[in-house]
Amino acid sequence: MAQFRTHQRPKLSLCCAKLEDSLKHEDTSDIDRKELFSELKVLRESLPQEINNPIEVLKRSKWMGNCFPNASIAHRVLYIDYSCYTIASEEIKV
């Protein structure tokens, strides 16, 4: 979460572009990089400091009436990826 709050504009924009490209099939993508970038800037400024993990961000964005559709998709994708990584890491330890 610290990275989310401190990413500079060029790096955040690049991350949005990479995510859009990753979710693209032919000419269609699940998110729009420019809209995602704008949503994340607004979301970052509107989140209370006590929100400090991706699940809380997703819950908060839903609580705000889904004003951030691209950000919601991005957080769900990243949460699934994080969950898979965590489960795989635990299985390797066993």
N, C-alpha and C. Protein backbone atom coordinates (compact mmCIF):
# COMPACT_ATOMS: atom_id res chain seq x y z
N MET A 1 0.82 -1.20 0.00
CA MET A 1 0.00 0.00 0.00
C MET A 1 0.86 1.25 0.00
N ALA A 2 2.03 1.14 0.60
CA ALA A 2 2.90 2.31 0.63
C ALA A 2 3.26 2.73 -0.79
N GLN A 3 3.49 1.76 -1.66
CA GLN A 3 3.81 2.09 -3.05
C GLN A 3 2.64 2.79 -3.73
N PHE A 4 1.43 2.33 -3.45
CA PHE A 4 0.25 2.94 -4.06
C PHE A 4 0.16 4.42 -3.67
N ARG A 5 0.47 4.72 -2.43
CA ARG A 5 0.37 6.10 -1.96
C ARG A 5 1.51 6.98 -2.44
N THR A 6 2.65 6.37 -2.81
CA THR A 6 3.83 7.17 -3.15
C THR A 6 4.26 7.11 -4.60
N HIS A 7 3.61 6.28 -5.43
CA HIS A 7 4.00 6.21 -6.85
C HIS A 7 3.94 7.59 -7.49
N GLN A 8 4.97 7.91 -8.22
CA GLN A 8 4.99 9.16 -8.95
C GLN A 8 4.17 9.01 -10.24
N ARG A 9 3.76 10.09 -10.80
CA ARG A 9 2.88 10.10 -11.97
C ARG A 9 3.39 9.22 -13.12
N PRO A 10 4.65 9.33 -13.57
CA PRO A 10 5.08 8.50 -14.71
C PRO A 10 5.03 7.00 -14.41
N LYS A 11 5.44 6.61 -13.20
CA LYS A 11 5.44 5.19 -12.87
C LYS A 11 4.01 4.66 -12.75
N LEU A 12 3.12 5.42 -12.15
CA LEU A 12 1.73 4.99 -12.01
C LEU A 12 1.09 4.87 -13.39
N SER A 13 1.37 5.80 -14.27
CA SER A 13 0.85 5.75 -15.63
C SER A 13 1.37 4.52 -16.37
N LEU A 14 2.64 4.21 -16.20
CA LEU A 14 3.24 3.04 -16.83
C LEU A 14 2.60 1.75 -16.30
N CYS A 15 2.35 1.69 -15.01
CA CYS A 15 1.69 0.51 -14.43
C CYS A 15 0.28 0.34 -14.98
N CYS A 16 -0.42 1.42 -15.16
CA CYS A 16 -1.77 1.36 -15.73
C CYS A 16 -1.72 0.85 -17.17
N ALA A 17 -0.75 1.32 -17.92
CA ALA A 17 -0.60 0.88 -19.31
C ALA A 17 -0.26 -0.61 -19.38
N LYS A 18 0.63 -1.06 -18.51
CA LYS A 18 0.99 -2.48 -18.49
C LYS A 18 -0.20 -3.36 -18.12
N LEU A 19 -0.99 -2.92 -17.16
CA LEU A 19 -2.15 -3.70 -16.76
C LEU A 19 -3.18 -3.74 -17.89
N GLU A 20 -3.40 -2.61 -18.56
CA GLU A 20 -4.33 -2.60 -19.68
C GLU A 20 -3.86 -3.57 -20.76
N ASP A 21 -2.58 -3.56 -21.07
CA ASP A 21 -2.04 -4.47 -22.08
C ASP A 21 -2.19 -5.93 -21.66
N SER A 22 -2.02 -6.20 -20.38
CA SER A 22 -2.15 -7.57 -19.87
C SER A 22 -3.59 -8.08 -19.95
N LEU A 23 -4.54 -7.17 -19.85
CA LEU A 23 -5.95 -7.55 -19.86
C LEU A 23 -6.60 -7.35 -21.23
N LYS A 24 -5.76 -7.20 -22.24
CA LYS A 24 -6.26 -6.93 -23.59
C LYS A 24 -6.37 -8.23 -24.39
N HIS A 25 -7.44 -8.32 -25.15
CA HIS A 25 -7.64 -9.40 -26.12
C HIS A 25 -8.00 -8.74 -27.44
N GLU A 26 -7.13 -8.90 -28.42
CA GLU A 26 -7.25 -8.21 -29.70
C GLU A 26 -7.31 -6.71 -29.44
N ASP A 27 -8.41 -6.05 -29.75
CA ASP A 27 -8.50 -4.60 -29.54
C ASP A 27 -9.32 -4.22 -28.32
N THR A 28 -9.71 -5.21 -27.53
CA THR A 28 -10.59 -4.96 -26.39
C THR A 28 -9.86 -5.22 -25.09
N SER A 29 -10.03 -4.32 -24.13
CA SER A 29 -9.42 -4.50 -22.81
C SER A 29 -10.50 -4.33 -21.74
N ASP A 30 -10.28 -4.97 -20.61
CA ASP A 30 -11.22 -4.88 -19.50
C ASP A 30 -11.13 -3.52 -18.80
N ILE A 31 -10.04 -2.82 -18.99
CA ILE A 31 -9.88 -1.51 -18.37
C ILE A 31 -9.36 -0.51 -19.40
N ASP A 32 -9.52 0.75 -19.08
CA ASP A 32 -8.97 1.83 -19.90
C ASP A 32 -7.85 2.48 -19.09
N ARG A 33 -6.65 2.48 -19.62
CA ARG A 33 -5.48 2.97 -18.87
C ARG A 33 -5.62 4.41 -18.40
N LYS A 34 -6.18 5.27 -19.22
CA LYS A 34 -6.32 6.68 -18.84
C LYS A 34 -7.35 6.85 -17.73
N GLU A 35 -8.47 6.13 -17.87
CA GLU A 35 -9.49 6.20 -16.81
C GLU A 35 -8.97 5.59 -15.51
N LEU A 36 -8.25 4.47 -15.62
CA LEU A 36 -7.68 3.85 -14.42
C LEU A 36 -6.72 4.81 -13.73
N PHE A 37 -5.87 5.45 -14.49
CA PHE A 37 -4.91 6.40 -13.93
C PHE A 37 -5.65 7.51 -13.18
N SER A 38 -6.69 8.07 -13.80
CA SER A 38 -7.46 9.13 -13.14
C SER A 38 -8.15 8.63 -11.88
N GLU A 39 -8.75 7.45 -11.97
CA GLU A 39 -9.44 6.88 -10.81
C GLU A 39 -8.47 6.64 -9.66
N LEU A 40 -7.30 6.11 -9.97
CA LEU A 40 -6.33 5.82 -8.91
C LEU A 40 -5.82 7.09 -8.24
N LYS A 41 -5.66 8.15 -9.02
CA LYS A 41 -5.24 9.42 -8.41
C LYS A 41 -6.29 9.93 -7.43
N VAL A 42 -7.55 9.89 -7.84
CA VAL A 42 -8.63 10.35 -6.97
C VAL A 42 -8.78 9.43 -5.77
N LEU A 43 -8.75 8.12 -6.03
CA LEU A 43 -8.89 7.14 -4.95
C LEU A 43 -7.78 7.28 -3.92
N ARG A 44 -6.57 7.47 -4.41
CA ARG A 44 -5.42 7.62 -3.50
C ARG A 44 -5.60 8.81 -2.57
N GLU A 45 -6.13 9.90 -3.07
CA GLU A 45 -6.33 11.10 -2.26
C GLU A 45 -7.51 10.97 -1.31
N SER A 46 -8.49 10.14 -1.67
CA SER A 46 -9.71 10.05 -0.86
C SER A 46 -9.67 8.94 0.20
N LEU A 47 -8.65 8.10 0.16
CA LEU A 47 -8.57 7.00 1.14
C LEU A 47 -8.05 7.49 2.49
N PRO A 48 -8.69 7.08 3.55
CA PRO A 48 -8.16 7.40 4.89
C PRO A 48 -6.83 6.65 5.11
N GLN A 49 -5.99 7.18 5.94
CA GLN A 49 -4.68 6.57 6.21
C GLN A 49 -4.78 5.17 6.80
N GLU A 50 -5.86 4.88 7.53
CA GLU A 50 -5.97 3.56 8.17
C GLU A 50 -6.23 2.43 7.17
N ILE A 51 -6.61 2.75 5.96
CA ILE A 51 -6.77 1.72 4.92
C ILE A 51 -5.38 1.40 4.40
N ASN A 52 -4.98 0.14 4.62
CA ASN A 52 -3.60 -0.19 4.30
C ASN A 52 -3.41 -1.53 3.60
N ASN A 53 -4.47 -2.09 3.01
CA ASN A 53 -4.27 -3.29 2.21
C ASN A 53 -5.26 -3.30 1.05
N PRO A 54 -4.98 -4.11 0.02
CA PRO A 54 -5.80 -4.09 -1.20
C PRO A 54 -7.27 -4.45 -0.96
N ILE A 55 -7.55 -5.36 -0.04
CA ILE A 55 -8.94 -5.74 0.23
C ILE A 55 -9.71 -4.54 0.79
N GLU A 56 -9.11 -3.80 1.69
CA GLU A 56 -9.77 -2.62 2.24
C GLU A 56 -10.00 -1.57 1.16
N VAL A 57 -9.06 -1.43 0.24
CA VAL A 57 -9.23 -0.48 -0.87
C VAL A 57 -10.41 -0.90 -1.73
N LEU A 58 -10.50 -2.19 -2.04
CA LEU A 58 -11.60 -2.69 -2.86
C LEU A 58 -12.94 -2.48 -2.15
N LYS A 59 -12.99 -2.79 -0.86
CA LYS A 59 -14.22 -2.58 -0.10
C LYS A 59 -14.61 -1.10 -0.09
N ARG A 60 -13.63 -0.24 0.10
CA ARG A 60 -13.89 1.20 0.16
C ARG A 60 -14.40 1.72 -1.18
N SER A 61 -13.79 1.24 -2.27
CA SER A 61 -14.24 1.70 -3.59
C SER A 61 -15.66 1.24 -3.87
N LYS A 62 -16.03 0.03 -3.41
CA LYS A 62 -17.42 -0.43 -3.56
C LYS A 62 -18.35 0.40 -2.68
N TRP A 63 -17.90 0.70 -1.46
CA TRP A 63 -18.69 1.51 -0.54
C TRP A 63 -18.97 2.89 -1.12
N MET A 64 -18.05 3.39 -1.94
CA MET A 64 -18.20 4.71 -2.54
C MET A 64 -19.11 4.66 -3.77
N GLY A 65 -19.81 3.55 -3.96
CA GLY A 65 -20.79 3.46 -5.04
C GLY A 65 -20.19 3.08 -6.38
N ASN A 66 -19.10 2.37 -6.36
CA ASN A 66 -18.44 1.95 -7.60
C ASN A 66 -18.15 3.13 -8.53
N CYS A 67 -17.67 4.19 -7.95
CA CYS A 67 -17.26 5.36 -8.74
C CYS A 67 -15.95 5.09 -9.47
N PHE A 68 -15.33 3.96 -9.16
CA PHE A 68 -14.01 3.63 -9.70
C PHE A 68 -14.06 2.25 -10.38
N PRO A 69 -14.80 2.12 -11.50
CA PRO A 69 -14.95 0.79 -12.10
C PRO A 69 -13.64 0.17 -12.58
N ASN A 70 -12.76 0.97 -13.17
CA ASN A 70 -11.48 0.44 -13.63
C ASN A 70 -10.59 0.04 -12.46
N ALA A 71 -10.60 0.85 -11.42
CA ALA A 71 -9.80 0.55 -10.23
C ALA A 71 -10.31 -0.71 -9.54
N SER A 72 -11.62 -0.91 -9.52
CA SER A 72 -12.18 -2.12 -8.92
C SER A 72 -11.73 -3.36 -9.65
N ILE A 73 -11.75 -3.31 -10.97
CA ILE A 73 -11.27 -4.45 -11.77
C ILE A 73 -9.79 -4.68 -11.49
N ALA A 74 -9.01 -3.62 -11.49
CA ALA A 74 -7.57 -3.76 -11.25
C ALA A 74 -7.28 -4.36 -9.88
N HIS A 75 -7.98 -3.89 -8.85
CA HIS A 75 -7.76 -4.42 -7.51
C HIS A 75 -8.16 -5.89 -7.41
N ARG A 76 -9.25 -6.27 -8.07
CA ARG A 76 -9.66 -7.69 -8.04
C ARG A 76 -8.62 -8.56 -8.73
N VAL A 77 -8.13 -8.12 -9.89
CA VAL A 77 -7.11 -8.88 -10.60
C VAL A 77 -5.85 -9.00 -9.76
N LEU A 78 -5.41 -7.91 -9.19
CA LEU A 78 -4.19 -7.94 -8.38
C LEU A 78 -4.38 -8.75 -7.11
N TYR A 79 -5.57 -8.72 -6.53
CA TYR A 79 -5.83 -9.51 -5.33
C TYR A 79 -5.79 -11.00 -5.65
N ILE A 80 -6.39 -11.40 -6.77
CA ILE A 80 -6.35 -12.81 -7.17
C ILE A 80 -4.91 -13.24 -7.39
N ASP A 81 -4.14 -12.41 -8.07
CA ASP A 81 -2.73 -12.71 -8.31
C ASP A 81 -1.97 -12.84 -6.99
N TYR A 82 -2.20 -11.93 -6.07
CA TYR A 82 -1.54 -11.94 -4.76
C TYR A 82 -1.94 -13.19 -3.98
N SER A 83 -3.24 -13.55 -4.02
CA SER A 83 -3.73 -14.73 -3.31
C SER A 83 -3.08 -16.00 -3.84
N CYS A 84 -2.99 -16.11 -5.17
CA CYS A 84 -2.35 -17.28 -5.77
C CYS A 84 -0.89 -17.37 -5.37
N TYR A 85 -0.20 -16.24 -5.36
CA TYR A 85 1.20 -16.21 -4.95
C TYR A 85 1.35 -16.63 -3.49
N THR A 86 0.48 -16.13 -2.63
CA THR A 86 0.55 -16.47 -1.21
C THR A 86 0.29 -17.96 -0.99
N ILE A 87 -0.71 -18.50 -1.65
CA ILE A 87 -1.01 -19.93 -1.51
C ILE A 87 0.15 -20.77 -2.02
N ALA A 88 0.70 -20.41 -3.18
CA ALA A 88 1.83 -21.15 -3.73
C ALA A 88 3.04 -21.08 -2.81
N SER A 89 3.28 -19.93 -2.22
CA SER A 89 4.42 -19.78 -1.29
C SER A 89 4.24 -20.67 -0.08
N GLU A 90 3.04 -20.75 0.44
CA GLU A 90 2.77 -21.61 1.60
C GLU A 90 2.93 -23.08 1.26
N GLU A 91 2.51 -23.47 0.06
CA GLU A 91 2.64 -24.87 -0.35
C GLU A 91 4.10 -25.26 -0.51
N ILE A 92 4.92 -24.34 -0.99
CA ILE A 92 6.35 -24.62 -1.13
C ILE A 92 7.01 -24.80 0.23
N LYS A 93 6.57 -24.05 1.23
CA LYS A 93 7.14 -24.15 2.57
C LYS A 93 6.83 -25.49 3.22
N VAL A 94 5.69 -26.10 2.87
CA VAL A 94 5.25 -27.34 3.51
C VAL A 94 6.03 -28.50 3.04
